[in-house]
PDB file of N, CA and C in Angstrom:
ATOM      1  N   MET A   1     -34.336  39.113 141.195  1.00  0.00           N
ATOM      2  CA  MET A   1     -34.518  39.156 139.722  1.00  0.00           C
ATOM      3  C   MET A   1     -33.478  38.207 139.124  1.00  0.00           C
ATOM      4  N   LYS A   2     -33.898  37.473 138.096  1.00  0.00           N
ATOM      5  CA  LYS A   2     -33.003  36.590 137.391  1.00  0.00           C
ATOM      6  C   LYS A   2     -32.471  37.234 136.132  1.00  0.00           C
ATOM      7  N   TYR A   3     -31.226  36.991 135.834  1.00  0.00           N
ATOM      8  CA  TYR A   3     -30.561  37.533 134.636  1.00  0.00           C
ATOM      9  C   TYR A   3     -29.810  36.392 133.947  1.00  0.00           C
ATOM     10  N   VAL A   4     -29.871  36.370 132.618  1.00  0.00           N
ATOM     11  CA  VAL A   4     -29.078  35.441 131.859  1.00  0.00           C
ATOM     12  C   VAL A   4     -27.791  36.151 131.475  1.00  0.00           C
ATOM     13  N   LEU A   5     -26.660  35.498 131.732  1.00  0.00           N
ATOM     14  CA  LEU A   5     -25.378  35.979 131.293  1.00  0.00           C
ATOM     15  C   LEU A   5     -24.971  35.131 130.060  1.00  0.00           C
ATOM     16  N   MET A   6     -24.784  35.768 128.923  1.00  0.00           N
ATOM     17  CA  MET A   6     -24.361  35.000 127.737  1.00  0.00           C
ATOM     18  C   MET A   6     -22.938  35.359 127.419  1.00  0.00           C
ATOM     19  N   TYR A   7     -22.092  34.401 127.474  1.00  0.00           N
ATOM     20  CA  TYR A   7     -20.643  34.578 127.302  1.00  0.00           C
ATOM     21  C   TYR A   7     -20.308  34.498 125.831  1.00  0.00           C
ATOM     22  N   THR A   8     -19.790  35.575 125.258  1.00  0.00           N
ATOM     23  CA  THR A   8     -19.509  35.623 123.833  1.00  0.00           C
ATOM     24  C   THR A   8     -18.014  35.846 123.580  1.00  0.00           C
ATOM     25  N   SER A   9     -17.571  35.404 122.435  1.00  0.00           N
ATOM     26  CA  SER A   9     -16.192  35.628 122.015  1.00  0.00           C
ATOM     27  C   SER A   9     -16.130  35.595 120.473  1.00  0.00           C
ATOM     28  N   ARG A  10     -14.957  35.910 120.010  1.00  0.00           N
ATOM     29  CA  ARG A  10     -14.736  35.797 118.546  1.00  0.00           C
ATOM     30  C   ARG A  10     -14.659  34.304 118.200  1.00  0.00           C
ATOM     31  N   PRO A  11     -15.149  33.921 116.997  1.00  0.00           N
ATOM     32  CA  PRO A  11     -15.097  32.516 116.631  1.00  0.00           C
ATOM     33  C   PRO A  11     -13.674  31.934 116.576  1.00  0.00           C
ATOM     34  N   ASP A  12     -12.674  32.768 116.296  1.00  0.00           N
ATOM     35  CA  ASP A  12     -11.318  32.249 116.171  1.00  0.00           C
ATOM     36  C   ASP A  12     -10.551  32.210 117.490  1.00  0.00           C
ATOM     37  N   LEU A  13     -11.159  32.672 118.597  1.00  0.00           N
ATOM     38  CA  LEU A  13     -10.426  32.737 119.842  1.00  0.00           C
ATOM     39  C   LEU A  13     -10.010  31.353 120.335  1.00  0.00           C
ATOM     40  N   ALA A  14     -10.933  30.391 120.343  1.00  0.00           N
ATOM     41  CA  ALA A  14     -10.591  29.052 120.828  1.00  0.00           C
ATOM     42  C   ALA A  14      -9.537  28.420 119.967  1.00  0.00           C
ATOM     43  N   ALA A  15      -9.642  28.557 118.673  1.00  0.00           N
ATOM     44  CA  ALA A  15      -8.682  27.948 117.755  1.00  0.00           C
ATOM     45  C   ALA A  15      -7.281  28.582 117.873  1.00  0.00           C
ATOM     46  N   SER A  16      -7.231  29.837 118.302  1.00  0.00           N
ATOM     47  CA  SER A  16      -5.946  30.530 118.372  1.00  0.00           C
ATOM     48  C   SER A  16      -5.312  30.417 119.763  1.00  0.00           C
ATOM     49  N   THR A  17      -5.923  29.704 120.667  1.00  0.00           N
ATOM     50  CA  THR A  17      -5.406  29.531 122.027  1.00  0.00           C
ATOM     51  C   THR A  17      -4.758  28.166 122.177  1.00  0.00           C
ATOM     52  N   ASP A  18      -3.504  28.143 122.555  1.00  0.00           N
ATOM     53  CA  ASP A  18      -2.813  26.842 122.713  1.00  0.00           C
ATOM     54  C   ASP A  18      -3.382  26.069 123.874  1.00  0.00           C
ATOM     55  N   PRO A  19      -3.285  24.724 123.851  1.00  0.00           N
ATOM     56  CA  PRO A  19      -3.930  23.893 124.865  1.00  0.00           C
ATOM     57  C   PRO A  19      -3.565  24.238 126.302  1.00  0.00           C
ATOM     58  N   GLU A  20      -2.296  24.555 126.546  1.00  0.00           N
ATOM     59  CA  GLU A  20      -1.896  24.890 127.886  1.00  0.00           C
ATOM     60  C   GLU A  20      -2.556  26.175 128.394  1.00  0.00           C
ATOM     61  N   ALA A  21      -2.619  27.200 127.515  1.00  0.00           N
ATOM     62  CA  ALA A  21      -3.288  28.444 127.860  1.00  0.00           C
ATOM     63  C   ALA A  21      -4.774  28.221 128.027  1.00  0.00           C
ATOM     64  N   ALA A  22      -5.356  27.382 127.200  1.00  0.00           N
ATOM     65  CA  ALA A  22      -6.816  27.078 127.273  1.00  0.00           C
ATOM     66  C   ALA A  22      -7.106  26.424 128.638  1.00  0.00           C
ATOM     67  N   GLN A  23      -6.242  25.539 129.084  1.00  0.00           N
ATOM     68  CA  GLN A  23      -6.451  24.869 130.340  1.00  0.00           C
ATOM     69  C   GLN A  23      -6.401  25.889 131.494  1.00  0.00           C
ATOM     70  N   ALA A  24      -5.501  26.852 131.402  1.00  0.00           N
ATOM     71  CA  ALA A  24      -5.405  27.904 132.430  1.00  0.00           C
ATOM     72  C   ALA A  24      -6.693  28.760 132.425  1.00  0.00           C
ATOM     73  N   LEU A  25      -7.220  29.040 131.241  1.00  0.00           N
ATOM     74  CA  LEU A  25      -8.459  29.800 131.144  1.00  0.00           C
ATOM     75  C   LEU A  25      -9.620  29.042 131.776  1.00  0.00           C
ATOM     76  N   TYR A  26      -9.745  27.748 131.477  1.00  0.00           N
ATOM     77  CA  TYR A  26     -10.801  26.933 132.086  1.00  0.00           C
ATOM     78  C   TYR A  26     -10.685  26.925 133.600  1.00  0.00           C
ATOM     79  N   LYS A  27      -9.460  26.905 134.133  1.00  0.00           N
ATOM     80  CA  LYS A  27      -9.268  26.941 135.581  1.00  0.00           C
ATOM     81  C   LYS A  27      -9.810  28.253 136.128  1.00  0.00           C
ATOM     82  N   ARG A  28      -9.521  29.385 135.471  1.00  0.00           N
ATOM     83  CA  ARG A  28     -10.029  30.666 135.938  1.00  0.00           C
ATOM     84  C   ARG A  28     -11.559  30.689 135.920  1.00  0.00           C
ATOM     85  N   VAL A  29     -12.146  30.122 134.858  1.00  0.00           N
ATOM     86  CA  VAL A  29     -13.595  30.099 134.734  1.00  0.00           C
ATOM     87  C   VAL A  29     -14.204  29.234 135.889  1.00  0.00           C
ATOM     88  N   TYR A  30     -13.625  28.080 136.104  1.00  0.00           N
ATOM     89  CA  TYR A  30     -14.086  27.198 137.166  1.00  0.00           C
ATOM     90  C   TYR A  30     -14.064  27.914 138.513  1.00  0.00           C
ATOM     91  N   GLU A  31     -12.968  28.581 138.779  1.00  0.00           N
ATOM     92  CA  GLU A  31     -12.841  29.327 140.053  1.00  0.00           C
ATOM     93  C   GLU A  31     -13.852  30.415 140.150  1.00  0.00           C
ATOM     94  N   TRP A  32     -14.145  31.130 139.010  1.00  0.00           N
ATOM     95  CA  TRP A  32     -15.180  32.173 139.009  1.00  0.00           C
ATOM     96  C   TRP A  32     -16.533  31.611 139.385  1.00  0.00           C
ATOM     97  N   PHE A  33     -16.886  30.449 138.827  1.00  0.00           N
ATOM     98  CA  PHE A  33     -18.169  29.835 139.175  1.00  0.00           C
ATOM     99  C   PHE A  33     -18.209  29.450 140.639  1.00  0.00           C
ATOM    100  N   GLN A  34     -17.114  28.983 141.189  1.00  0.00           N
ATOM    101  CA  GLN A  34     -17.057  28.649 142.615  1.00  0.00           C
ATOM    102  C   GLN A  34     -17.233  29.932 143.446  1.00  0.00           C
ATOM    103  N   ASP A  35     -16.530  30.998 143.081  1.00  0.00           N
ATOM    104  CA  ASP A  35     -16.579  32.256 143.807  1.00  0.00           C
ATOM    105  C   ASP A  35     -17.967  32.879 143.776  1.00  0.00           C
ATOM    106  N   ASN A  36     -18.732  32.604 142.740  1.00  0.00           N
ATOM    107  CA  ASN A  36     -20.065  33.225 142.587  1.00  0.00           C
ATOM    108  C   ASN A  36     -21.204  32.238 142.737  1.00  0.00           C
ATOM    109  N   ALA A  37     -20.939  31.142 143.374  1.00  0.00           N
ATOM    110  CA  ALA A  37     -21.959  30.093 143.532  1.00  0.00           C
ATOM    111  C   ALA A  37     -23.204  30.599 144.253  1.00  0.00           C
ATOM    112  N   SER A  38     -23.061  31.562 145.167  1.00  0.00           N
ATOM    113  CA  SER A  38     -24.213  32.053 145.912  1.00  0.00           C
ATOM    114  C   SER A  38     -25.232  32.774 145.076  1.00  0.00           C
ATOM    115  N   VAL A  39     -24.869  33.259 143.892  1.00  0.00           N
ATOM    116  CA  VAL A  39     -25.868  33.969 143.065  1.00  0.00           C
ATOM    117  C   VAL A  39     -26.277  33.146 141.839  1.00  0.00           C
ATOM    118  N   MET A  40     -25.718  31.970 141.676  1.00  0.00           N
ATOM    119  CA  MET A  40     -26.045  31.134 140.528  1.00  0.00           C
ATOM    120  C   MET A  40     -27.422  30.493 140.706  1.00  0.00           C
ATOM    121  N   ALA A  41     -28.341  30.804 139.812  1.00  0.00           N
ATOM    122  CA  ALA A  41     -29.653  30.160 139.825  1.00  0.00           C
ATOM    123  C   ALA A  41     -29.610  28.916 138.965  1.00  0.00           C
ATOM    124  N   ASP A  42     -28.616  28.838 138.118  1.00  0.00           N
ATOM    125  CA  ASP A  42     -28.378  27.685 137.208  1.00  0.00           C
ATOM    126  C   ASP A  42     -26.888  27.573 137.123  1.00  0.00           C
ATOM    127  N   SER A  43     -26.388  26.362 137.037  1.00  0.00           N
ATOM    128  CA  SER A  43     -24.937  26.185 137.026  1.00  0.00           C
ATOM    129  C   SER A  43     -24.300  26.655 135.747  1.00  0.00           C
ATOM    130  N   GLY A  44     -25.128  26.906 134.728  1.00  0.00           N
ATOM    131  CA  GLY A  44     -24.591  27.366 133.457  1.00  0.00           C
ATOM    132  C   GLY A  44     -24.108  26.224 132.593  1.00  0.00           C
ATOM    133  N   ALA A  45     -23.777  26.528 131.368  1.00  0.00           N
ATOM    134  CA  ALA A  45     -23.334  25.469 130.476  1.00  0.00           C
ATOM    135  C   ALA A  45     -22.501  26.095 129.381  1.00  0.00           C
ATOM    136  N   GLU A  46     -21.482  25.359 128.949  1.00  0.00           N
ATOM    137  CA  GLU A  46     -20.714  25.710 127.774  1.00  0.00           C
ATOM    138  C   GLU A  46     -21.450  25.091 126.580  1.00  0.00           C
ATOM    139  N   LEU A  47     -21.496  25.826 125.507  1.00  0.00           N
ATOM    140  CA  LEU A  47     -22.172  25.326 124.313  1.00  0.00           C
ATOM    141  C   LEU A  47     -21.172  24.779 123.348  1.00  0.00           C
ATOM    142  N   LEU A  48     -21.583  23.773 122.586  1.00  0.00           N
ATOM    143  CA  LEU A  48     -20.734  23.267 121.494  1.00  0.00           C
ATOM    144  C   LEU A  48     -20.680  24.290 120.406  1.00  0.00           C
ATOM    145  N   GLY A  49     -19.786  24.165 119.449  1.00  0.00           N
ATOM    146  CA  GLY A  49     -19.578  25.133 118.417  1.00  0.00           C
ATOM    147  C   GLY A  49     -20.767  25.381 117.514  1.00  0.00           C
ATOM    148  N   VAL A  50     -20.760  26.535 116.833  1.00  0.00           N
ATOM    149  CA  VAL A  50     -21.893  26.905 115.966  1.00  0.00           C
ATOM    150  C   VAL A  50     -22.085  25.881 114.844  1.00  0.00           C
ATOM    151  N   GLU A  51     -21.076  25.132 114.489  1.00  0.00           N
ATOM    152  CA  GLU A  51     -21.225  24.152 113.433  1.00  0.00           C
ATOM    153  C   GLU A  51     -22.141  23.022 113.857  1.00  0.00           C
ATOM    154  N   THR A  52     -22.453  22.887 115.135  1.00  0.00           N
ATOM    155  CA  THR A  52     -23.385  21.875 115.643  1.00  0.00           C
ATOM    156  C   THR A  52     -24.810  22.364 115.772  1.00  0.00           C
ATOM    157  N   ALA A  53     -25.030  23.665 115.487  1.00  0.00           N
ATOM    158  CA  ALA A  53     -26.350  24.251 115.691  1.00  0.00           C
ATOM    159  C   ALA A  53     -27.369  23.820 114.639  1.00  0.00           C
ATOM    160  N   THR A  54     -28.587  23.754 115.080  1.00  0.00           N
ATOM    161  CA  THR A  54     -29.740  23.553 114.216  1.00  0.00           C
ATOM    162  C   THR A  54     -30.768  24.626 114.584  1.00  0.00           C
ATOM    163  N   THR A  55     -31.412  25.232 113.588  1.00  0.00           N
ATOM    164  CA  THR A  55     -32.318  26.317 113.841  1.00  0.00           C
ATOM    165  C   THR A  55     -33.682  25.928 113.268  1.00  0.00           C
ATOM    166  N   VAL A  56     -34.727  26.211 114.028  1.00  0.00           N
ATOM    167  CA  VAL A  56     -36.107  26.065 113.548  1.00  0.00           C
ATOM    168  C   VAL A  56     -36.637  27.468 113.418  1.00  0.00           C
ATOM    169  N   LYS A  57     -37.083  27.826 112.220  1.00  0.00           N
ATOM    170  CA  LYS A  57     -37.555  29.197 111.983  1.00  0.00           C
ATOM    171  C   LYS A  57     -38.799  29.205 111.114  1.00  0.00           C
ATOM    172  N   HIS A  58     -39.403  30.361 111.042  1.00  0.00           N
ATOM    173  CA  HIS A  58     -40.589  30.555 110.207  1.00  0.00           C
ATOM    174  C   HIS A  58     -40.192  30.453 108.763  1.00  0.00           C
ATOM    175  N   GLY A  59     -40.891  29.629 108.021  1.00  0.00           N
ATOM    176  CA  GLY A  59     -40.566  29.466 106.623  1.00  0.00           C
ATOM    177  C   GLY A  59     -41.632  30.056 105.737  1.00  0.00           C
ATOM    178  N   ASP A  60     -41.427  29.998 104.462  1.00  0.00           N
ATOM    179  CA  ASP A  60     -42.420  30.502 103.523  1.00  0.00           C
ATOM    180  C   ASP A  60     -43.712  29.753 103.709  1.00  0.00           C
ATOM    181  N   GLY A  61     -44.820  30.447 103.672  1.00  0.00           N
ATOM    182  CA  GLY A  61     -46.126  29.822 103.881  1.00  0.00           C
ATOM    183  C   GLY A  61     -46.464  29.614 105.316  1.00  0.00           C
ATOM    184  N   GLY A  62     -45.582  30.007 106.232  1.00  0.00           N
ATOM    185  CA  GLY A  62     -45.890  29.941 107.664  1.00  0.00           C
ATOM    186  C   GLY A  62     -45.469  28.673 108.358  1.00  0.00           C
ATOM    187  N   ALA A  63     -45.069  27.635 107.623  1.00  0.00           N
ATOM    188  CA  ALA A  63     -44.656  26.398 108.249  1.00  0.00           C
ATOM    189  C   ALA A  63     -43.266  26.514 108.814  1.00  0.00           C
ATOM    190  N   ALA A  64     -43.041  25.810 109.892  1.00  0.00           N
ATOM    191  CA  ALA A  64     -41.697  25.818 110.492  1.00  0.00           C
ATOM    192  C   ALA A  64     -40.717  25.095 109.592  1.00  0.00           C
ATOM    193  N   VAL A  65     -39.497  25.616 109.498  1.00  0.00           N
ATOM    194  CA  VAL A  65     -38.462  25.045 108.640  1.00  0.00           C
ATOM    195  C   VAL A  65     -37.245  24.777 109.555  1.00  0.00           C
ATOM    196  N   VAL A  66     -36.625  23.601 109.345  1.00  0.00           N
ATOM    197  CA  VAL A  66     -35.423  23.263 110.099  1.00  0.00           C
ATOM    198  C   VAL A  66     -34.222  23.433 109.194  1.00  0.00           C
ATOM    199  N   VAL A  67     -33.228  24.179 109.689  1.00  0.00           N
ATOM    200  CA  VAL A  67     -32.003  24.419 108.881  1.00  0.00           C
ATOM    201  C   VAL A  67     -30.784  24.153 109.753  1.00  0.00           C
ATOM    202  N   ASP A  68     -29.719  23.736 109.116  1.00  0.00           N
ATOM    203  CA  ASP A  68     -28.453  23.538 109.818  1.00  0.00           C
ATOM    204  C   ASP A  68     -27.823  24.878 110.084  1.00  0.00           C
ATOM    205  N   GLY A  69     -27.117  24.958 111.201  1.00  0.00           N
ATOM    206  CA  GLY A  69     -26.359  26.179 111.527  1.00  0.00           C
ATOM    207  C   GLY A  69     -27.140  27.150 112.352  1.00  0.00           C
ATOM    208  N   PRO A  70     -26.428  28.148 112.849  1.00  0.00           N
ATOM    209  CA  PRO A  70     -27.064  29.163 113.707  1.00  0.00           C
ATOM    210  C   PRO A  70     -27.936  30.099 112.868  1.00  0.00           C
ATOM    211  N   PHE A  71     -28.988  30.603 113.488  1.00  0.00           N
ATOM    212  CA  PHE A  71     -29.848  31.529 112.789  1.00  0.00           C
ATOM    213  C   PHE A  71     -29.198  32.900 112.650  1.00  0.00           C
ATOM    214  N   ASN A  72     -28.573  33.343 113.745  1.00  0.00           N
ATOM    215  CA  ASN A  72     -27.965  34.681 113.727  1.00  0.00           C
ATOM    216  C   ASN A  72     -26.555  34.610 113.141  1.00  0.00           C
ATOM    217  N   GLU A  73     -26.325  35.445 112.195  1.00  0.00           N
ATOM    218  CA  GLU A  73     -24.958  35.601 111.633  1.00  0.00           C
ATOM    219  C   GLU A  73     -24.317  36.775 112.373  1.00  0.00           C
ATOM    220  N   ALA A  74     -23.246  36.536 113.093  1.00  0.00           N
ATOM    221  CA  ALA A  74     -22.631  37.597 113.882  1.00  0.00           C
ATOM    222  C   ALA A  74     -21.142  37.387 113.897  1.00  0.00           C
ATOM    223  N   LYS A  75     -20.431  38.442 114.308  1.00  0.00           N
ATOM    224  CA  LYS A  75     -18.991  38.336 114.471  1.00  0.00           C
ATOM    225  C   LYS A  75     -18.643  37.607 115.769  1.00  0.00           C
ATOM    226  N   GLU A  76     -19.578  37.571 116.719  1.00  0.00           N
ATOM    227  CA  GLU A  76     -19.360  36.912 117.972  1.00  0.00           C
ATOM    228  C   GLU A  76     -20.188  35.637 118.036  1.00  0.00           C
ATOM    229  N   ILE A  77     -19.742  34.679 118.846  1.00  0.00           N
ATOM    230  CA  ILE A  77     -20.503  33.482 119.078  1.00  0.00           C
ATOM    231  C   ILE A  77     -20.833  33.400 120.561  1.00  0.00           C
ATOM    232  N   ILE A  78     -21.967  32.829 120.904  1.00  0.00           N
ATOM    233  CA  ILE A  78     -22.328  32.569 122.258  1.00  0.00           C
ATOM    234  C   ILE A  78     -21.684  31.239 122.649  1.00  0.00           C
ATOM    235  N   GLY A  79     -20.760  31.296 123.595  1.00  0.00           N
ATOM    236  CA  GLY A  79     -20.050  30.117 123.993  1.00  0.00           C
ATOM    237  C   GLY A  79     -20.631  29.429 125.185  1.00  0.00           C
ATOM    238  N   GLY A  80     -21.527  30.091 125.886  1.00  0.00           N
ATOM    239  CA  GLY A  80     -22.142  29.480 127.074  1.00  0.00           C
ATOM    240  C   GLY A  80     -23.049  30.505 127.738  1.00  0.00           C
ATOM    241  N   PHE A  81     -23.666  30.029 128.825  1.00  0.00           N
ATOM    242  CA  PHE A  81     -24.627  30.907 129.521  1.00  0.00           C
ATOM    243  C   PHE A  81     -24.705  30.502 130.970  1.00  0.00           C
ATOM    244  N   SER A  82     -25.215  31.384 131.786  1.00  0.00           N
ATOM    245  CA  SER A  82     -25.547  31.147 133.191  1.00  0.00           C
ATOM    246  C   SER A  82     -26.810  31.942 133.523  1.00  0.00           C
ATOM    247  N   VAL A  83     -27.481  31.525 134.562  1.00  0.00           N
ATOM    248  CA  VAL A  83     -28.572  32.292 135.083  1.00  0.00           C
ATOM    249  C   VAL A  83     -28.188  32.660 136.498  1.00  0.00           C
ATOM    250  N   ILE A  84     -28.184  33.977 136.805  1.00  0.00           N
ATOM    251  CA  ILE A  84     -27.898  34.417 138.139  1.00  0.00           C
ATOM    252  C   ILE A  84     -29.155  35.032 138.757  1.00  0.00           C
ATOM    253  N   GLU A  85     -29.211  35.036 140.074  1.00  0.00           N
ATOM    254  CA  GLU A  85     -30.354  35.675 140.737  1.00  0.00           C
ATOM    255  C   GLU A  85     -29.775  36.670 141.731  1.00  0.00           C
ATOM    256  N   VAL A  86     -29.991  37.931 141.420  1.00  0.00           N
ATOM    257  CA  VAL A  86     -29.465  39.055 142.207  1.00  0.00           C
ATOM    258  C   VAL A  86     -30.589  40.100 142.291  1.00  0.00           C
ATOM    259  N   PRO A  87     -30.424  41.090 143.196  1.00  0.00           N
ATOM    260  CA  PRO A  87     -31.506  42.034 143.422  1.00  0.00           C
ATOM    261  C   PRO A  87     -31.780  42.962 142.252  1.00  0.00           C
ATOM    262  N   ASP A  88     -30.756  43.328 141.474  1.00  0.00           N
ATOM    263  CA  ASP A  88     -30.989  44.344 140.439  1.00  0.00           C
ATOM    264  C   ASP A  88     -29.866  44.293 139.382  1.00  0.00           C
ATOM    265  N   MET A  89     -30.044  45.099 138.331  1.00  0.00           N
ATOM    266  CA  MET A  89     -29.064  45.141 137.234  1.00  0.00           C
ATOM    267  C   MET A  89     -27.697  45.616 137.699  1.00  0.00           C
ATOM    268  N   ASP A  90     -27.676  46.555 138.637  1.00  0.00           N
ATOM    269  CA  ASP A  90     -26.357  47.030 139.127  1.00  0.00           C
ATOM    270  C   ASP A  90     -25.559  45.877 139.732  1.00  0.00           C
ATOM    271  N   THR A  91     -26.235  44.984 140.470  1.00  0.00           N
ATOM    272  CA  THR A  91     -25.552  43.824 141.077  1.00  0.00           C
ATOM    273  C   THR A  91     -25.155  42.851 139.968  1.00  0.00           C
ATOM    274  N   ALA A  92     -26.018  42.674 138.984  1.00  0.00           N
ATOM    275  CA  ALA A  92     -25.706  41.779 137.857  1.00  0.00           C
ATOM    276  C   ALA A  92     -24.462  42.288 137.119  1.00  0.00           C
ATOM    277  N   ILE A  93     -24.363  43.588 136.939  1.00  0.00           N
ATOM    278  CA  ILE A  93     -23.198  44.159 136.282  1.00  0.00           C
ATOM    279  C   ILE A  93     -21.927  43.963 137.150  1.00  0.00           C
ATOM    280  N   ALA A  94     -22.076  44.149 138.435  1.00  0.00           N
ATOM    281  CA  ALA A  94     -20.916  43.982 139.332  1.00  0.00           C
ATOM    282  C   ALA A  94     -20.396  42.570 139.267  1.00  0.00           C
ATOM    283  N   VAL A  95     -21.289  41.575 139.308  1.00  0.00           N
ATOM    284  CA  VAL A  95     -20.886  40.168 139.195  1.00  0.00           C
ATOM    285  C   VAL A  95     -20.235  39.923 137.826  1.00  0.00           C
ATOM    286  N   THR A  96     -20.837  40.417 136.771  1.00  0.00           N
ATOM    287  CA  THR A  96     -20.336  40.189 135.428  1.00  0.00           C
ATOM    288  C   THR A  96     -18.967  40.835 135.181  1.00  0.00           C
ATOM    289  N   LYS A  97     -18.702  41.942 135.808  1.00  0.00           N
ATOM    290  CA  LYS A  97     -17.413  42.613 135.620  1.00  0.00           C
ATOM    291  C   LYS A  97     -16.256  41.754 136.143  1.00  0.00           C
ATOM    292  N   THR A  98     -16.555  40.764 136.981  1.00  0.00           N
ATOM    293  CA  THR A  98     -15.525  39.889 137.486  1.00  0.00           C
ATOM    294  C   THR A  98     -15.304  38.662 136.583  1.00  0.00           C
ATOM    295  N   TRP A  99     -16.048  38.508 135.494  1.00  0.00           N
ATOM    296  CA  TRP A  99     -15.871  37.384 134.550  1.00  0.00           C
ATOM    297  C   TRP A  99     -14.379  37.314 134.171  1.00  0.00           C
ATOM    298  N   PRO A 100     -13.712  36.192 134.406  1.00  0.00           N
ATOM    299  CA  PRO A 100     -12.267  36.174 134.266  1.00  0.00           C
ATOM    300  C   PRO A 100     -11.735  36.270 132.836  1.00  0.00           C
ATOM    301  N   LEU A 101     -12.587  36.116 131.855  1.00  0.00           N
ATOM    302  CA  LEU A 101     -12.094  36.144 130.473  1.00  0.00           C
ATOM    303  C   LEU A 101     -12.255  37.516 129.803  1.00  0.00           C
ATOM    304  N   LEU A 102     -12.775  38.478 130.554  1.00  0.00           N
ATOM    305  CA  LEU A 102     -12.976  39.804 129.969  1.00  0.00           C
ATOM    306  C   LEU A 102     -11.696  40.506 129.581  1.00  0.00           C
ATOM    307  N   ASP A 103     -10.558  39.989 130.050  1.00  0.00           N
ATOM    308  CA  ASP A 103      -9.289  40.576 129.663  1.00  0.00           C
ATOM    309  C   ASP A 103      -8.798  40.063 128.300  1.00  0.00           C
ATOM    310  N   LEU A 104      -9.553  39.170 127.687  1.00  0.00           N
ATOM    311  CA  LEU A 104      -9.189  38.650 126.359  1.00  0.00           C
ATOM    312  C   LEU A 104      -9.895  39.496 125.260  1.00  0.00           C
ATOM    313  N   PRO A 105      -9.176  39.812 124.195  1.00  0.00           N
ATOM    314  CA  PRO A 105      -9.830  40.572 123.137  1.00  0.00           C
ATOM    315  C   PRO A 105     -11.001  39.834 122.515  1.00  0.00           C
ATOM    316  N   GLY A 106     -12.071  40.571 122.294  1.00  0.00           N
ATOM    317  CA  GLY A 106     -13.250  39.985 121.647  1.00  0.00           C
ATOM    318  C   GLY A 106     -14.204  39.244 122.565  1.00  0.00           C
ATOM    319  N   VAL A 107     -13.908  39.215 123.851  1.00  0.00           N
ATOM    320  CA  VAL A 107     -14.775  38.508 124.813  1.00  0.00           C
ATOM    321  C   VAL A 107     -15.715  39.538 125.434  1.00  0.00           C
ATOM    322  N   ALA A 108     -16.969  39.159 125.557  1.00  0.00           N
ATOM    323  CA  ALA A 108     -17.981  40.027 126.178  1.00  0.00           C
ATOM    324  C   ALA A 108     -19.008  39.116 126.878  1.00  0.00           C
ATOM    325  N   VAL A 109     -19.740  39.718 127.804  1.00  0.00           N
ATOM    326  CA  VAL A 109     -20.839  39.016 128.444  1.00  0.00           C
ATOM    327  C   VAL A 109     -22.096  39.891 128.316  1.00  0.00           C
ATOM    328  N   GLU A 110     -23.104  39.342 127.669  1.00  0.00           N
ATOM    329  CA  GLU A 110     -24.364  40.082 127.570  1.00  0.00           C
ATOM    330  C   GLU A 110     -25.216  39.699 128.784  1.00  0.00           C
ATOM    331  N   ILE A 111     -25.811  40.715 129.395  1.00  0.00           N
ATOM    332  CA  ILE A 111     -26.696  40.527 130.566  1.00  0.00           C
ATOM    333  C   ILE A 111     -28.133  40.790 130.074  1.00  0.00           C
ATOM    334  N   ARG A 112     -29.005  39.854 130.304  1.00  0.00           N
ATOM    335  CA  ARG A 112     -30.365  40.093 129.878  1.00  0.00           C
ATOM    336  C   ARG A 112     -31.338  39.633 130.999  1.00  0.00           C
ATOM    337  N   PRO A 113     -32.189  40.576 131.486  1.00  0.00           N
ATOM    338  CA  PRO A 113     -33.186  40.206 132.500  1.00  0.00           C
ATOM    339  C   PRO A 113     -34.149  39.161 131.959  1.00  0.00           C
ATOM    340  N   MET A 114     -34.604  38.263 132.832  1.00  0.00           N
ATOM    341  CA  MET A 114     -35.550  37.259 132.471  1.00  0.00           C
ATOM    342  C   MET A 114     -36.933  37.670 132.892  1.00  0.00           C
ATOM    343  N   VAL A 115     -37.927  37.276 132.133  1.00  0.00           N
ATOM    344  CA  VAL A 115     -39.312  37.482 132.551  1.00  0.00           C
ATOM    345  C   VAL A 115     -39.638  36.400 133.542  1.00  0.00           C
ATOM    346  N   GLU A 116     -40.075  36.828 134.732  1.00  0.00           N
ATOM    347  CA  GLU A 116     -40.363  35.850 135.784  1.00  0.00           C
ATOM    348  C   GLU A 116     -41.854  35.825 136.123  1.00  0.00           C
ATOM    349  N   ASP A 117     -42.581  36.836 135.693  1.00  0.00           N
ATOM    350  CA  ASP A 117     -44.002  36.928 136.059  1.00  0.00           C
ATOM    351  C   ASP A 117     -44.808  37.127 134.776  1.00  0.00           C
ATOM    352  N   TYR A 118     -45.580  36.130 134.431  1.00  0.00           N
ATOM    353  CA  TYR A 118     -46.392  36.219 133.215  1.00  0.00           C
ATOM    354  C   TYR A 118     -47.809  36.637 133.493  1.00  0.00           C
ATOM    355  N   SER A 119     -48.100  37.130 134.717  1.00  0.00           N
ATOM    356  CA  SER A 119     -49.475  37.490 135.071  1.00  0.00           C
ATOM    357  C   SER A 119     -50.018  38.618 134.200  1.00  0.00           C
ATOM    358  N   HIS A 120     -49.141  39.452 133.654  1.00  0.00           N
ATOM    359  CA  HIS A 120     -49.597  40.542 132.802  1.00  0.00           C
ATOM    360  C   HIS A 120     -50.173  40.020 131.497  1.00  0.00           C
ATOM    361  N   MET A 121     -49.972  38.738 131.213  1.00  0.00           N
ATOM    362  CA  MET A 121     -50.476  38.155 129.951  1.00  0.00           C
ATOM    363  C   MET A 121     -51.812  37.499 130.132  1.00  0.00           C
ATOM    364  N   GLU A 122     -52.311  37.405 131.367  1.00  0.00           N
ATOM    365  CA  GLU A 122     -53.617  36.782 131.617  1.00  0.00           C
ATOM    366  C   GLU A 122     -54.717  37.701 131.169  1.00  0.00           C
ATOM    367  N   GLY A 123     -55.814  37.114 130.822  1.00  0.00           N
ATOM    368  CA  GLY A 123     -56.983  37.928 130.564  1.00  0.00           C
ATOM    369  C   GLY A 123     -57.359  37.936 129.185  1.00  0.00           C
TER     370      GLY A 123
END
């Protein structure tokens, strides 16, 4: 089964981290990806800041509308993602519990199963 791991944090976390500490955090993250390479279905990616986001959404009258910024207003931001392939949610949780930044305040990882079989939509 494939699961998306979405790495979230407070918007002010990066700005409040000095460059030397940030470098140490990146090293921990890099090592985590190396340690978990066997379950990575996608190498993952860090996302640029929310100020770079563009959203396409349903507009008045049904036409698609393009707006600057993220669609979801939240206290947390998604800073990156990975796709892992493991047998079940328990294994996905076990892998995620080792995410090296979970010891930082405001950091979380959302685990979401992916739809892999669309056969139920046929017919």
